[in-house]
N, C-alpha and C. Protein backbone atom coordinates (compact mmCIF):
# COMPACT_ATOMS: atom_id res chain seq x y z
N MET A 1 -53.40 63.54 -118.45
CA MET A 1 -53.42 64.59 -117.47
C MET A 1 -52.65 64.09 -116.23
N LYS A 2 -51.75 64.90 -115.79
CA LYS A 2 -50.95 64.55 -114.62
C LYS A 2 -51.63 65.04 -113.36
N THR A 3 -51.73 64.17 -112.36
CA THR A 3 -52.36 64.55 -111.10
C THR A 3 -51.29 64.78 -110.04
N ARG A 4 -51.64 65.63 -109.10
CA ARG A 4 -50.71 65.90 -108.01
C ARG A 4 -50.71 64.74 -107.02
N PRO A 5 -49.54 64.36 -106.52
CA PRO A 5 -49.53 63.30 -105.50
C PRO A 5 -50.16 63.79 -104.21
N LEU A 6 -50.85 62.89 -103.54
CA LEU A 6 -51.49 63.26 -102.28
C LEU A 6 -50.45 63.47 -101.20
N ILE A 7 -50.64 64.50 -100.44
CA ILE A 7 -49.77 64.75 -99.30
C ILE A 7 -50.19 63.80 -98.18
N ARG A 8 -49.23 63.22 -97.52
CA ARG A 8 -49.52 62.22 -96.50
C ARG A 8 -50.45 62.73 -95.42
N SER A 9 -50.26 63.94 -94.95
CA SER A 9 -51.13 64.47 -93.89
C SER A 9 -52.54 64.68 -94.40
N ARG A 10 -52.69 65.03 -95.67
CA ARG A 10 -54.01 65.23 -96.24
C ARG A 10 -54.73 63.90 -96.43
N THR A 11 -53.99 62.86 -96.73
CA THR A 11 -54.58 61.54 -96.92
C THR A 11 -55.17 61.01 -95.62
N TRP A 12 -54.52 61.26 -94.51
CA TRP A 12 -54.93 60.70 -93.22
C TRP A 12 -55.71 61.67 -92.35
N ALA A 13 -56.04 62.83 -92.84
CA ALA A 13 -56.71 63.84 -92.01
C ALA A 13 -58.10 63.38 -91.57
N ILE A 14 -58.98 63.04 -92.51
CA ILE A 14 -60.35 62.65 -92.17
C ILE A 14 -60.38 61.35 -91.36
N PRO A 15 -59.64 60.30 -91.75
CA PRO A 15 -59.65 59.09 -90.91
C PRO A 15 -59.15 59.33 -89.48
N SER A 16 -58.18 60.21 -89.33
CA SER A 16 -57.67 60.51 -87.99
C SER A 16 -58.72 61.24 -87.15
N ILE A 17 -59.42 62.17 -87.77
CA ILE A 17 -60.48 62.90 -87.05
C ILE A 17 -61.60 61.94 -86.66
N LEU A 18 -61.99 61.06 -87.58
CA LEU A 18 -63.05 60.08 -87.28
C LEU A 18 -62.63 59.14 -86.16
N ALA A 19 -61.38 58.70 -86.17
CA ALA A 19 -60.88 57.81 -85.11
C ALA A 19 -60.88 58.52 -83.77
N ALA A 20 -60.44 59.77 -83.74
CA ALA A 20 -60.41 60.53 -82.48
C ALA A 20 -61.82 60.77 -81.95
N LEU A 21 -62.76 61.13 -82.84
CA LEU A 21 -64.14 61.33 -82.41
C LEU A 21 -64.77 60.04 -81.90
N THR A 22 -64.48 58.92 -82.56
CA THR A 22 -65.01 57.64 -82.12
C THR A 22 -64.48 57.28 -80.74
N LEU A 23 -63.18 57.41 -80.55
CA LEU A 23 -62.58 57.09 -79.26
C LEU A 23 -63.13 57.99 -78.16
N LEU A 24 -63.21 59.27 -78.43
CA LEU A 24 -63.74 60.22 -77.44
C LEU A 24 -65.19 59.91 -77.09
N SER A 25 -66.00 59.59 -78.10
CA SER A 25 -67.41 59.28 -77.85
C SER A 25 -67.56 58.01 -77.02
N LEU A 26 -66.78 56.99 -77.33
CA LEU A 26 -66.87 55.75 -76.56
C LEU A 26 -66.43 55.95 -75.11
N VAL A 27 -65.39 56.72 -74.89
CA VAL A 27 -64.93 56.98 -73.52
C VAL A 27 -65.98 57.80 -72.76
N ILE A 28 -66.54 58.80 -73.40
CA ILE A 28 -67.57 59.62 -72.75
C ILE A 28 -68.79 58.77 -72.41
N ALA A 29 -69.19 57.89 -73.34
CA ALA A 29 -70.36 57.03 -73.09
C ALA A 29 -70.11 56.08 -71.92
N LEU A 30 -68.87 55.66 -71.72
CA LEU A 30 -68.57 54.75 -70.61
C LEU A 30 -68.47 55.47 -69.27
N ILE A 31 -67.96 56.68 -69.27
CA ILE A 31 -67.66 57.36 -68.01
C ILE A 31 -68.81 58.22 -67.51
N VAL A 32 -69.43 59.01 -68.39
CA VAL A 32 -70.41 60.01 -67.97
C VAL A 32 -71.81 59.51 -68.31
N ASP A 33 -72.76 59.84 -67.46
CA ASP A 33 -74.15 59.45 -67.68
C ASP A 33 -75.01 60.66 -68.03
N GLY A 34 -76.25 60.36 -68.35
CA GLY A 34 -77.21 61.44 -68.62
C GLY A 34 -77.21 61.85 -70.07
N ILE A 35 -77.24 63.15 -70.28
CA ILE A 35 -77.31 63.72 -71.63
C ILE A 35 -76.08 63.38 -72.44
N TRP A 36 -74.95 63.14 -71.77
CA TRP A 36 -73.71 62.83 -72.48
C TRP A 36 -73.79 61.49 -73.20
N ASP A 37 -74.55 60.54 -72.67
CA ASP A 37 -74.76 59.27 -73.37
C ASP A 37 -75.46 59.50 -74.70
N SER A 38 -76.47 60.36 -74.69
CA SER A 38 -77.19 60.67 -75.92
C SER A 38 -76.29 61.40 -76.92
N LEU A 39 -75.49 62.32 -76.43
CA LEU A 39 -74.57 63.05 -77.29
C LEU A 39 -73.53 62.11 -77.91
N ALA A 40 -72.99 61.22 -77.10
CA ALA A 40 -71.99 60.28 -77.60
C ALA A 40 -72.58 59.35 -78.65
N SER A 41 -73.79 58.87 -78.42
CA SER A 41 -74.41 57.99 -79.41
C SER A 41 -74.77 58.75 -80.68
N ALA A 42 -75.14 60.02 -80.56
CA ALA A 42 -75.42 60.83 -81.75
C ALA A 42 -74.16 61.05 -82.58
N VAL A 43 -73.04 61.28 -81.91
CA VAL A 43 -71.77 61.44 -82.63
C VAL A 43 -71.40 60.14 -83.34
N LEU A 44 -71.55 59.01 -82.65
CA LEU A 44 -71.24 57.72 -83.27
C LEU A 44 -72.17 57.44 -84.45
N ALA A 45 -73.43 57.78 -84.33
CA ALA A 45 -74.37 57.59 -85.44
C ALA A 45 -74.00 58.51 -86.61
N GLY A 46 -73.59 59.72 -86.33
CA GLY A 46 -73.15 60.63 -87.38
C GLY A 46 -71.93 60.11 -88.13
N ILE A 47 -70.99 59.54 -87.39
CA ILE A 47 -69.80 58.96 -88.01
C ILE A 47 -70.19 57.78 -88.89
N LEU A 48 -71.10 56.95 -88.42
CA LEU A 48 -71.56 55.81 -89.20
C LEU A 48 -72.28 56.26 -90.48
N ILE A 49 -73.10 57.29 -90.37
CA ILE A 49 -73.81 57.81 -91.55
C ILE A 49 -72.81 58.39 -92.55
N TYR A 50 -71.83 59.14 -92.07
CA TYR A 50 -70.83 59.72 -92.95
C TYR A 50 -70.02 58.64 -93.67
N MET A 51 -69.59 57.62 -92.94
CA MET A 51 -68.80 56.55 -93.54
C MET A 51 -69.62 55.76 -94.55
N THR A 52 -70.90 55.54 -94.27
CA THR A 52 -71.77 54.84 -95.22
C THR A 52 -71.95 55.67 -96.48
N TYR A 53 -72.17 56.96 -96.31
CA TYR A 53 -72.31 57.85 -97.47
C TYR A 53 -71.06 57.83 -98.34
N GLU A 54 -69.90 57.95 -97.72
CA GLU A 54 -68.65 57.95 -98.47
C GLU A 54 -68.38 56.60 -99.13
N GLY A 55 -68.82 55.53 -98.51
CA GLY A 55 -68.61 54.21 -99.09
C GLY A 55 -69.45 53.95 -100.33
N PHE A 56 -70.63 54.52 -100.39
CA PHE A 56 -71.51 54.30 -101.52
C PHE A 56 -71.44 55.40 -102.58
N ARG A 57 -70.70 56.45 -102.31
CA ARG A 57 -70.57 57.56 -103.27
C ARG A 57 -69.75 57.11 -104.47
N PRO A 58 -70.21 57.40 -105.68
CA PRO A 58 -69.44 57.01 -106.86
C PRO A 58 -68.11 57.77 -106.93
N ARG A 59 -67.09 57.07 -107.32
CA ARG A 59 -65.75 57.68 -107.42
C ARG A 59 -65.56 58.28 -108.79
N THR A 60 -64.94 59.44 -108.81
CA THR A 60 -64.58 60.07 -110.08
C THR A 60 -63.07 60.02 -110.22
N THR A 61 -62.62 59.74 -111.41
CA THR A 61 -61.17 59.66 -111.62
C THR A 61 -60.67 60.75 -112.51
């Protein structure tokens, strides 16, 4: 069975979004106080949970 080659933008879409969210969360946590610290840490925890899930998910070929 022949598979379609991955499009470069599709390959890097999720990692780029995760990198942007991580950078934004870290900057917000450093600059703004209060509820924004909690929001930034929740976003970072969500990214960590998502990456852990994807890392342990069985791959299908």
